[in-house]
Amino acid sequence: MAPVKRRVFKTKNEMAVELAKYTADLSSKFCKERGIFTVVLSGGDLIAWLWKLLEAPYIDSIEWSKWHIFWVDERVCAWDNVDNNYKLAYDGFLSKVPIPAENIYAIDNGLGAEGNAELAAERYEECLKQKVNQNIIRTYKSSGFPQFDLQLLGMGPDGHMASLFPGHDQINEKVKWVTSITDSPKPPPKRITFTLPVINCASYNVMAVCDKEQADSVAAALTHTKDLPAGRLTADVEVVWFLDLAAASKLPHGWCSIL
C-alpha cells in the first residue's frame, strides 16, 4: 500500500497554495516523462480550492495542452444543470485555462439530460478504454485497471468519496471501471462513479477536506475506526490528505504537524 501522508494547514488559503504547488509539480513530472498528464477531478469544494493554479507562476508555466481531464464521479444531468460537476469545473476552472476541449472528457450530455445512469456509466467506461487504447491513460501493472496520474478527491461528512457511499453496494464492485447509483443519499440521486479499484490504482491520490462538519469522518477514515469509503483510499505511489485545522481537529494528538 502507498504511504498515507497528512498535511494540516491553518487556513484554506494556505491549503490552496500547497495544493497548487503539489499539482503543478506532478504536472511537470508527468509532462516531462510521458508528454501527458491525466487528472481526475471531483465536485464539491475541490474546484474552488484550485484557484491558485489560475495565478502566477502556474497559469503561464504549466503545460496545459498536455493535460487530460476526467471525473471521478458525475451527477446524471445535462451539462448546463447547476448540479453537474462538469459545469462546476468548467465555470470555476477549465474555462480559465488553455486545456484543449478535446482533452476534457465529460459525461455524455444526452444521457445526462435523459437521466440514464446505467448507460451513462457504460459509455464513460467505454471512453476510458478508448483513451487506454490511445495510450493517453496508462493501465495498472497487475490488474489492467486504468491508472491516472493524479486524482483530486473530496470527502462528505458521512465519509463518502466519489459517489461511493457507506452502506451502498457500489463500494464492493471489483470488475467494472465505472458504475452507476440511482439512490444516492445525497441529491441528486442518479450518479456515475469510478469504482474503488480504479480510484486506488491512481499514481497519486489527494484527498482535500475542510471544515469541522467533516472532522469526525476524517478521524474515522484515517484511524479506521469505521468502515468508511474514504478510509479505503490508497494509491500506487502516494496518498496525501490536505486538511484545514477544523477538519483535522478530531485526529489523535500528534498525528499531524501544522504547516
C-alpha atoms as a PDB file:
ATOM      1  CA  MET A   1       0.000   0.000   0.000  1.00  0.00           C
ATOM      2  CA  ALA A   2       1.105   3.525  -0.723  1.00  0.00           C
ATOM      3  CA  PRO A   3       2.186   5.693   2.203  1.00  0.00           C
ATOM      4  CA  VAL A   4      -0.551   7.961   3.551  1.00  0.00           C
ATOM      5  CA  LYS A   5       0.561  11.477   4.413  1.00  0.00           C
ATOM      6  CA  ARG A   6      -1.394  14.072   6.353  1.00  0.00           C
ATOM      7  CA  ARG A   7      -0.830  17.802   5.896  1.00  0.00           C
ATOM      8  CA  VAL A   8      -2.730  20.282   8.053  1.00  0.00           C
ATOM      9  CA  PHE A   9      -2.994  23.974   7.215  1.00  0.00           C
ATOM     10  CA  LYS A  10      -4.096  26.904   9.351  1.00  0.00           C
ATOM     11  CA  THR A  11      -6.251  28.369   6.592  1.00  0.00           C
ATOM     12  CA  LYS A  12      -7.928  27.287   3.365  1.00  0.00           C
ATOM     13  CA  ASN A  13      -5.777  29.831   1.548  1.00  0.00           C
ATOM     14  CA  GLU A  14      -2.587  28.143   2.750  1.00  0.00           C
ATOM     15  CA  MET A  15      -4.003  24.793   1.702  1.00  0.00           C
ATOM     16  CA  ALA A  16      -4.812  26.157  -1.759  1.00  0.00           C
ATOM     17  CA  VAL A  17      -1.231  27.406  -2.134  1.00  0.00           C
ATOM     18  CA  GLU A  18       0.218  23.986  -1.365  1.00  0.00           C
ATOM     19  CA  LEU A  19      -2.404  22.132  -3.392  1.00  0.00           C
ATOM     20  CA  ALA A  20      -1.446  24.222  -6.421  1.00  0.00           C
ATOM     21  CA  LYS A  21       2.253  23.531  -5.906  1.00  0.00           C
ATOM     22  CA  TYR A  22       1.655  19.801  -5.469  1.00  0.00           C
ATOM     23  CA  THR A  23      -0.416  19.646  -8.641  1.00  0.00           C
ATOM     24  CA  ALA A  24       1.987  21.771 -10.656  1.00  0.00           C
ATOM     25  CA  ASP A  25       4.982  19.677  -9.569  1.00  0.00           C
ATOM     26  CA  LEU A  26       3.247  16.486 -10.693  1.00  0.00           C
ATOM     27  CA  SER A  27       2.232  18.154 -13.953  1.00  0.00           C
ATOM     28  CA  SER A  28       5.871  18.969 -14.620  1.00  0.00           C
ATOM     29  CA  LYS A  29       6.934  15.427 -13.734  1.00  0.00           C
ATOM     30  CA  PHE A  30       4.449  13.622 -15.953  1.00  0.00           C
ATOM     31  CA  CYS A  31       4.621  16.070 -18.853  1.00  0.00           C
ATOM     32  CA  LYS A  32       8.383  15.541 -18.896  1.00  0.00           C
ATOM     33  CA  GLU A  33       8.174  11.752 -18.526  1.00  0.00           C
ATOM     34  CA  ARG A  34       5.135  10.983 -20.669  1.00  0.00           C
ATOM     35  CA  GLY A  35       4.171  14.136 -22.532  1.00  0.00           C
ATOM     36  CA  ILE A  36       0.704  13.708 -20.971  1.00  0.00           C
ATOM     37  CA  PHE A  37      -0.800  14.475 -17.562  1.00  0.00           C
ATOM     38  CA  THR A  38      -4.065  12.702 -16.710  1.00  0.00           C
ATOM     39  CA  VAL A  39      -6.013  14.495 -13.979  1.00  0.00           C
ATOM     40  CA  VAL A  40      -9.225  13.316 -12.348  1.00  0.00           C
ATOM     41  CA  LEU A  41     -11.486  15.903 -10.726  1.00  0.00           C
ATOM     42  CA  SER A  42     -14.332  15.602  -8.248  1.00  0.00           C
ATOM     43  CA  GLY A  43     -17.106  18.030  -7.375  1.00  0.00           C
ATOM     44  CA  GLY A  44     -17.928  19.945  -4.242  1.00  0.00           C
ATOM     45  CA  ASP A  45     -15.437  22.464  -2.888  1.00  0.00           C
ATOM     46  CA  LEU A  46     -12.458  20.920  -4.677  1.00  0.00           C
ATOM     47  CA  ILE A  47     -12.751  23.167  -7.740  1.00  0.00           C
ATOM     48  CA  ALA A  48     -12.787  26.295  -5.585  1.00  0.00           C
ATOM     49  CA  TRP A  49      -9.539  25.204  -3.946  1.00  0.00           C
ATOM     50  CA  LEU A  50      -7.714  25.069  -7.288  1.00  0.00           C
ATOM     51  CA  TRP A  51      -7.843  28.842  -7.736  1.00  0.00           C
ATOM     52  CA  LYS A  52      -4.113  29.338  -7.111  1.00  0.00           C
ATOM     53  CA  LEU A  53      -3.394  27.440 -10.338  1.00  0.00           C
ATOM     54  CA  LEU A  54      -5.076  30.333 -12.154  1.00  0.00           C
ATOM     55  CA  GLU A  55      -2.431  32.749 -10.917  1.00  0.00           C
ATOM     56  CA  ALA A  56       1.301  33.292 -11.427  1.00  0.00           C
ATOM     57  CA  PRO A  57       3.546  31.404 -11.645  1.00  0.00           C
ATOM     58  CA  TYR A  58       1.356  28.439 -12.596  1.00  0.00           C
ATOM     59  CA  ILE A  59      -1.028  29.898 -15.140  1.00  0.00           C
ATOM     60  CA  ASP A  60       1.857  30.653 -17.521  1.00  0.00           C
ATOM     61  CA  SER A  61       4.265  27.841 -16.664  1.00  0.00           C
ATOM     62  CA  ILE A  62       2.054  24.741 -16.652  1.00  0.00           C
ATOM     63  CA  GLU A  63       1.890  22.836 -19.939  1.00  0.00           C
ATOM     64  CA  TRP A  64      -1.890  22.938 -20.109  1.00  0.00           C
ATOM     65  CA  SER A  65      -2.038  21.492 -23.610  1.00  0.00           C
ATOM     66  CA  LYS A  66      -0.776  18.173 -22.204  1.00  0.00           C
ATOM     67  CA  TRP A  67      -3.479  17.881 -19.549  1.00  0.00           C
ATOM     68  CA  HIS A  68      -6.336  15.380 -19.972  1.00  0.00           C
ATOM     69  CA  ILE A  69      -9.291  15.870 -17.620  1.00  0.00           C
ATOM     70  CA  PHE A  70     -11.642  13.180 -16.297  1.00  0.00           C
ATOM     71  CA  TRP A  71     -14.230  12.994 -13.497  1.00  0.00           C
ATOM     72  CA  VAL A  72     -14.187  10.501 -10.628  1.00  0.00           C
ATOM     73  CA  ASP A  73     -17.964  10.829 -10.430  1.00  0.00           C
ATOM     74  CA  GLU A  74     -20.740  12.802 -12.025  1.00  0.00           C
ATOM     75  CA  ARG A  75     -24.354  13.679 -11.382  1.00  0.00           C
ATOM     76  CA  VAL A  76     -26.516  12.284 -14.169  1.00  0.00           C
ATOM     77  CA  CYS A  77     -27.886  15.516 -15.560  1.00  0.00           C
ATOM     78  CA  ALA A  78     -27.225  17.816 -18.515  1.00  0.00           C
ATOM     79  CA  TRP A  79     -24.031  19.844 -18.714  1.00  0.00           C
ATOM     80  CA  ASP A  80     -25.873  23.107 -18.074  1.00  0.00           C
ATOM     81  CA  ASN A  81     -27.527  21.823 -14.890  1.00  0.00           C
ATOM     82  CA  VAL A  82     -26.288  23.507 -11.702  1.00  0.00           C
ATOM     83  CA  ASP A  83     -25.732  20.052 -10.143  1.00  0.00           C
ATOM     84  CA  ASN A  84     -23.366  18.950 -12.927  1.00  0.00           C
ATOM     85  CA  ASN A  85     -19.737  18.501 -11.895  1.00  0.00           C
ATOM     86  CA  TYR A  86     -18.541  19.308 -15.404  1.00  0.00           C
ATOM     87  CA  LYS A  87     -20.377  22.654 -15.262  1.00  0.00           C
ATOM     88  CA  LEU A  88     -18.873  23.360 -11.843  1.00  0.00           C
ATOM     89  CA  ALA A  89     -15.372  22.593 -13.091  1.00  0.00           C
ATOM     90  CA  TYR A  90     -15.845  24.452 -16.375  1.00  0.00           C
ATOM     91  CA  ASP A  91     -17.219  27.613 -14.796  1.00  0.00           C
ATOM     92  CA  GLY A  92     -14.710  27.721 -11.965  1.00  0.00           C
ATOM     93  CA  PHE A  93     -11.533  26.364 -13.538  1.00  0.00           C
ATOM     94  CA  LEU A  94     -11.489  24.806 -17.004  1.00  0.00           C
ATOM     95  CA  SER A  95     -12.798  27.874 -18.834  1.00  0.00           C
ATOM     96  CA  LYS A  96      -9.893  29.863 -17.399  1.00  0.00           C
ATOM     97  CA  VAL A  97      -7.017  27.624 -18.554  1.00  0.00           C
ATOM     98  CA  PRO A  98      -5.989  26.658 -22.126  1.00  0.00           C
ATOM     99  CA  ILE A  99      -6.676  22.921 -21.923  1.00  0.00           C
ATOM    100  CA  PRO A 100      -7.831  21.769 -25.386  1.00  0.00           C
ATOM    101  CA  ALA A 101     -11.555  21.000 -25.452  1.00  0.00           C
ATOM    102  CA  GLU A 102     -10.841  17.571 -26.936  1.00  0.00           C
ATOM    103  CA  ASN A 103      -8.799  16.735 -23.801  1.00  0.00           C
ATOM    104  CA  ILE A 104     -11.807  17.167 -21.496  1.00  0.00           C
ATOM    105  CA  TYR A 105     -13.940  14.060 -21.043  1.00  0.00           C
ATOM    106  CA  ALA A 106     -17.350  14.801 -19.560  1.00  0.00           C
ATOM    107  CA  ILE A 107     -20.345  12.529 -19.136  1.00  0.00           C
ATOM    108  CA  ASP A 108     -22.455  12.071 -22.283  1.00  0.00           C
ATOM    109  CA  ASN A 109     -24.655  15.176 -22.309  1.00  0.00           C
ATOM    110  CA  GLY A 110     -27.672  13.483 -23.880  1.00  0.00           C
ATOM    111  CA  LEU A 111     -27.670  10.571 -21.461  1.00  0.00           C
ATOM    112  CA  GLY A 112     -27.228  13.008 -18.600  1.00  0.00           C
ATOM    113  CA  ALA A 113     -30.259  15.001 -19.696  1.00  0.00           C
ATOM    114  CA  GLU A 114     -32.258  11.771 -20.030  1.00  0.00           C
ATOM    115  CA  GLY A 115     -31.219  10.629 -16.563  1.00  0.00           C
ATOM    116  CA  ASN A 116     -29.945   7.292 -17.885  1.00  0.00           C
ATOM    117  CA  ALA A 117     -27.395   6.476 -15.201  1.00  0.00           C
ATOM    118  CA  GLU A 118     -26.651   2.886 -16.178  1.00  0.00           C
ATOM    119  CA  LEU A 119     -25.941   3.659 -19.827  1.00  0.00           C
ATOM    120  CA  ALA A 120     -24.035   6.819 -18.900  1.00  0.00           C
ATOM    121  CA  ALA A 121     -21.716   4.698 -16.740  1.00  0.00           C
ATOM    122  CA  GLU A 122     -21.222   2.192 -19.559  1.00  0.00           C
ATOM    123  CA  ARG A 123     -20.400   4.963 -22.034  1.00  0.00           C
ATOM    124  CA  TYR A 124     -17.942   6.611 -19.668  1.00  0.00           C
ATOM    125  CA  GLU A 125     -16.168   3.293 -19.150  1.00  0.00           C
ATOM    126  CA  GLU A 126     -16.009   2.915 -22.940  1.00  0.00           C
ATOM    127  CA  CYS A 127     -14.440   6.378 -23.099  1.00  0.00           C
ATOM    128  CA  LEU A 128     -11.773   5.371 -20.577  1.00  0.00           C
ATOM    129  CA  LYS A 129     -10.994   2.184 -22.505  1.00  0.00           C
ATOM    130  CA  GLN A 130     -10.651   4.190 -25.702  1.00  0.00           C
ATOM    131  CA  LYS A 131      -8.156   6.513 -24.015  1.00  0.00           C
ATOM    132  CA  VAL A 132      -6.221   3.473 -22.773  1.00  0.00           C
ATOM    133  CA  ASN A 133      -6.052   2.172 -26.352  1.00  0.00           C
ATOM    134  CA  GLN A 134      -4.801   5.592 -27.456  1.00  0.00           C
ATOM    135  CA  ASN A 135      -2.066   5.474 -24.776  1.00  0.00           C
ATOM    136  CA  ILE A 136      -3.475   8.530 -23.041  1.00  0.00           C
ATOM    137  CA  ILE A 137      -4.329   6.602 -19.876  1.00  0.00           C
ATOM    138  CA  ARG A 138      -1.867   4.040 -18.570  1.00  0.00           C
ATOM    139  CA  THR A 139      -3.016   0.733 -17.110  1.00  0.00           C
ATOM    140  CA  TYR A 140      -2.056  -0.610 -13.722  1.00  0.00           C
ATOM    141  CA  LYS A 141       0.772  -3.133 -13.916  1.00  0.00           C
ATOM    142  CA  SER A 142      -1.039  -6.129 -12.400  1.00  0.00           C
ATOM    143  CA  SER A 143      -4.789  -5.599 -12.727  1.00  0.00           C
ATOM    144  CA  GLY A 144      -5.207  -3.815 -16.052  1.00  0.00           C
ATOM    145  CA  PHE A 145      -7.363  -1.124 -14.470  1.00  0.00           C
ATOM    146  CA  PRO A 146      -6.789   2.431 -15.725  1.00  0.00           C
ATOM    147  CA  GLN A 147      -4.044   4.276 -13.886  1.00  0.00           C
ATOM    148  CA  PHE A 148      -4.445   8.034 -13.719  1.00  0.00           C
ATOM    149  CA  ASP A 149      -1.548  10.284 -12.814  1.00  0.00           C
ATOM    150  CA  LEU A 150      -3.371  12.393 -10.212  1.00  0.00           C
ATOM    151  CA  GLN A 151      -6.830  12.292  -8.681  1.00  0.00           C
ATOM    152  CA  LEU A 152      -8.109  15.265  -6.691  1.00  0.00           C
ATOM    153  CA  LEU A 153     -10.787  13.991  -4.339  1.00  0.00           C
ATOM    154  CA  GLY A 154     -13.087  15.255  -1.626  1.00  0.00           C
ATOM    155  CA  MET A 155     -15.000  13.591   1.197  1.00  0.00           C
ATOM    156  CA  GLY A 156     -18.516  14.142   2.525  1.00  0.00           C
ATOM    157  CA  PRO A 157     -19.452  14.391   6.203  1.00  0.00           C
ATOM    158  CA  ASP A 158     -20.624  10.761   6.035  1.00  0.00           C
ATOM    159  CA  GLY A 159     -17.215   9.594   4.804  1.00  0.00           C
ATOM    160  CA  HIS A 160     -18.214   9.059   1.176  1.00  0.00           C
ATOM    161  CA  MET A 161     -15.773   9.733  -1.649  1.00  0.00           C
ATOM    162  CA  ALA A 162     -16.646   9.984  -5.321  1.00  0.00           C
ATOM    163  CA  SER A 163     -20.205   8.568  -5.305  1.00  0.00           C
ATOM    164  CA  LEU A 164     -19.243   5.610  -3.148  1.00  0.00           C
ATOM    165  CA  PHE A 165     -21.460   5.902  -0.080  1.00  0.00           C
ATOM    166  CA  PRO A 166     -21.418   3.995   3.214  1.00  0.00           C
ATOM    167  CA  GLY A 167     -23.790   1.050   3.157  1.00  0.00           C
ATOM    168  CA  HIS A 168     -24.200   1.013  -0.638  1.00  0.00           C
ATOM    169  CA  ASP A 169     -23.106  -1.903  -2.811  1.00  0.00           C
ATOM    170  CA  GLN A 170     -21.102   0.176  -5.296  1.00  0.00           C
ATOM    171  CA  ILE A 171     -18.144   0.194  -2.896  1.00  0.00           C
ATOM    172  CA  ASN A 172     -17.806  -3.580  -3.409  1.00  0.00           C
ATOM    173  CA  GLU A 173     -17.679  -3.556  -7.234  1.00  0.00           C
ATOM    174  CA  LYS A 174     -14.451  -5.236  -8.344  1.00  0.00           C
ATOM    175  CA  VAL A 175     -14.900  -5.717 -12.115  1.00  0.00           C
ATOM    176  CA  LYS A 176     -16.402  -2.586 -13.625  1.00  0.00           C
ATOM    177  CA  TRP A 177     -14.367   0.578 -14.087  1.00  0.00           C
ATOM    178  CA  VAL A 178     -17.406   2.856 -13.813  1.00  0.00           C
ATOM    179  CA  THR A 179     -20.704   2.045 -12.150  1.00  0.00           C
ATOM    180  CA  SER A 180     -23.993   3.827 -11.510  1.00  0.00           C
ATOM    181  CA  ILE A 181     -26.097   4.668  -8.486  1.00  0.00           C
ATOM    182  CA  THR A 182     -29.759   5.674  -8.599  1.00  0.00           C
ATOM    183  CA  ASP A 183     -30.476   6.100  -4.885  1.00  0.00           C
ATOM    184  CA  SER A 184     -27.684   8.386  -3.698  1.00  0.00           C
ATOM    185  CA  PRO A 185     -28.370   9.568  -0.135  1.00  0.00           C
ATOM    186  CA  LYS A 186     -27.078  12.953  -1.248  1.00  0.00           C
ATOM    187  CA  PRO A 187     -29.139  14.522  -4.051  1.00  0.00           C
ATOM    188  CA  PRO A 188     -29.334  14.265  -6.951  1.00  0.00           C
ATOM    189  CA  PRO A 189     -29.950  10.506  -6.637  1.00  0.00           C
ATOM    190  CA  LYS A 190     -28.646   9.423 -10.067  1.00  0.00           C
ATOM    191  CA  ARG A 191     -24.857   9.386 -10.483  1.00  0.00           C
ATOM    192  CA  ILE A 192     -21.989   7.556 -12.097  1.00  0.00           C
ATOM    193  CA  THR A 193     -18.743   6.862 -10.281  1.00  0.00           C
ATOM    194  CA  PHE A 194     -15.344   5.264 -10.644  1.00  0.00           C
ATOM    195  CA  THR A 195     -15.165   2.027  -8.702  1.00  0.00           C
ATOM    196  CA  LEU A 196     -12.808   1.608  -5.766  1.00  0.00           C
ATOM    197  CA  PRO A 197     -10.199  -0.455  -7.688  1.00  0.00           C
ATOM    198  CA  VAL A 198      -9.942   2.291 -10.318  1.00  0.00           C
ATOM    199  CA  ILE A 199      -9.651   5.038  -7.705  1.00  0.00           C
ATOM    200  CA  ASN A 200      -6.944   3.134  -5.855  1.00  0.00           C
ATOM    201  CA  CYS A 201      -4.878   2.419  -8.978  1.00  0.00           C
ATOM    202  CA  ALA A 202      -4.041   6.105  -9.450  1.00  0.00           C
ATOM    203  CA  SER A 203      -0.405   7.017  -9.044  1.00  0.00           C
ATOM    204  CA  TYR A 204      -1.155   9.920  -6.708  1.00  0.00           C
ATOM    205  CA  ASN A 205      -4.366  10.498  -4.764  1.00  0.00           C
ATOM    206  CA  VAL A 206      -5.090  13.757  -2.971  1.00  0.00           C
ATOM    207  CA  MET A 207      -7.962  13.978  -0.506  1.00  0.00           C
ATOM    208  CA  ALA A 208      -8.751  17.613   0.299  1.00  0.00           C
ATOM    209  CA  VAL A 209     -11.115  18.232   3.223  1.00  0.00           C
ATOM    210  CA  CYS A 210     -12.017  21.353   5.167  1.00  0.00           C
ATOM    211  CA  ASP A 211     -14.425  22.404   7.936  1.00  0.00           C
ATOM    212  CA  LYS A 212     -15.466  20.945  11.274  1.00  0.00           C
ATOM    213  CA  GLU A 213     -18.505  19.067   9.928  1.00  0.00           C
ATOM    214  CA  GLN A 214     -16.047  16.659   8.316  1.00  0.00           C
ATOM    215  CA  ALA A 215     -13.856  16.191  11.399  1.00  0.00           C
ATOM    216  CA  ASP A 216     -15.456  13.021  12.782  1.00  0.00           C
ATOM    217  CA  SER A 217     -15.301  11.264   9.421  1.00  0.00           C
ATOM    218  CA  VAL A 218     -11.722  12.409   8.819  1.00  0.00           C
ATOM    219  CA  ALA A 219     -10.709  10.850  12.125  1.00  0.00           C
ATOM    220  CA  ALA A 220     -12.717   7.684  11.477  1.00  0.00           C
ATOM    221  CA  ALA A 221     -11.326   7.277   7.965  1.00  0.00           C
ATOM    222  CA  LEU A 222      -7.707   7.792   8.963  1.00  0.00           C
ATOM    223  CA  THR A 223      -7.854   5.675  12.131  1.00  0.00           C
ATOM    224  CA  HIS A 224     -10.114   3.042  10.521  1.00  0.00           C
ATOM    225  CA  THR A 225     -12.496   3.078  13.480  1.00  0.00           C
ATOM    226  CA  LYS A 226     -15.388   2.862  10.987  1.00  0.00           C
ATOM    227  CA  ASP A 227     -15.659   1.200   7.595  1.00  0.00           C
ATOM    228  CA  LEU A 228     -15.943   4.390   5.556  1.00  0.00           C
ATOM    229  CA  PRO A 229     -15.309   4.554   1.792  1.00  0.00           C
ATOM    230  CA  ALA A 230     -12.726   7.305   2.280  1.00  0.00           C
ATOM    231  CA  GLY A 231     -10.907   5.086   4.753  1.00  0.00           C
ATOM    232  CA  ARG A 232     -10.217   2.616   1.941  1.00  0.00           C
ATOM    233  CA  LEU A 233      -8.331   5.151  -0.162  1.00  0.00           C
ATOM    234  CA  THR A 234      -4.864   4.132  -1.304  1.00  0.00           C
ATOM    235  CA  ALA A 235      -2.740   4.698  -4.417  1.00  0.00           C
ATOM    236  CA  ASP A 236       0.180   3.270  -6.340  1.00  0.00           C
ATOM    237  CA  VAL A 237       2.723   5.854  -5.192  1.00  0.00           C
ATOM    238  CA  GLU A 238       1.269   8.213  -2.593  1.00  0.00           C
ATOM    239  CA  VAL A 239      -1.886   9.366  -0.825  1.00  0.00           C
ATOM    240  CA  VAL A 240      -1.931  12.829   0.726  1.00  0.00           C
ATOM    241  CA  TRP A 241      -4.732  14.213   2.870  1.00  0.00           C
ATOM    242  CA  PHE A 242      -4.832  18.029   2.730  1.00  0.00           C
ATOM    243  CA  LEU A 243      -6.747  19.241   5.801  1.00  0.00           C
ATOM    244  CA  ASP A 244      -7.520  22.513   7.484  1.00  0.00           C
ATOM    245  CA  LEU A 245      -7.398  22.799  11.266  1.00  0.00           C
ATOM    246  CA  ALA A 246     -11.129  22.248  11.678  1.00  0.00           C
ATOM    247  CA  ALA A 247     -11.216  19.073   9.579  1.00  0.00           C
ATOM    248  CA  ALA A 248      -8.197  17.680  11.469  1.00  0.00           C
ATOM    249  CA  SER A 249      -9.491  18.637  14.914  1.00  0.00           C
ATOM    250  CA  LYS A 250     -10.626  15.117  15.906  1.00  0.00           C
ATOM    251  CA  LEU A 251      -7.437  13.327  14.888  1.00  0.00           C
ATOM    252  CA  PRO A 252      -5.328  11.824  17.690  1.00  0.00           C
ATOM    253  CA  HIS A 253      -2.852  14.245  19.224  1.00  0.00           C
ATOM    254  CA  GLY A 254       0.453  14.279  17.380  1.00  0.00           C
ATOM    255  CA  TRP A 255      -0.848  12.705  14.199  1.00  0.00           C
ATOM    256  CA  CYS A 256      -0.298  15.819  12.093  1.00  0.00           C
ATOM    257  CA  SER A 257       2.085  18.745  12.162  1.00  0.00           C
ATOM    258  CA  ILE A 258       0.563  22.082  11.252  1.00  0.00           C
ATOM    259  CA  LEU A 259       2.078  23.721   8.189  1.00  0.00           C
END
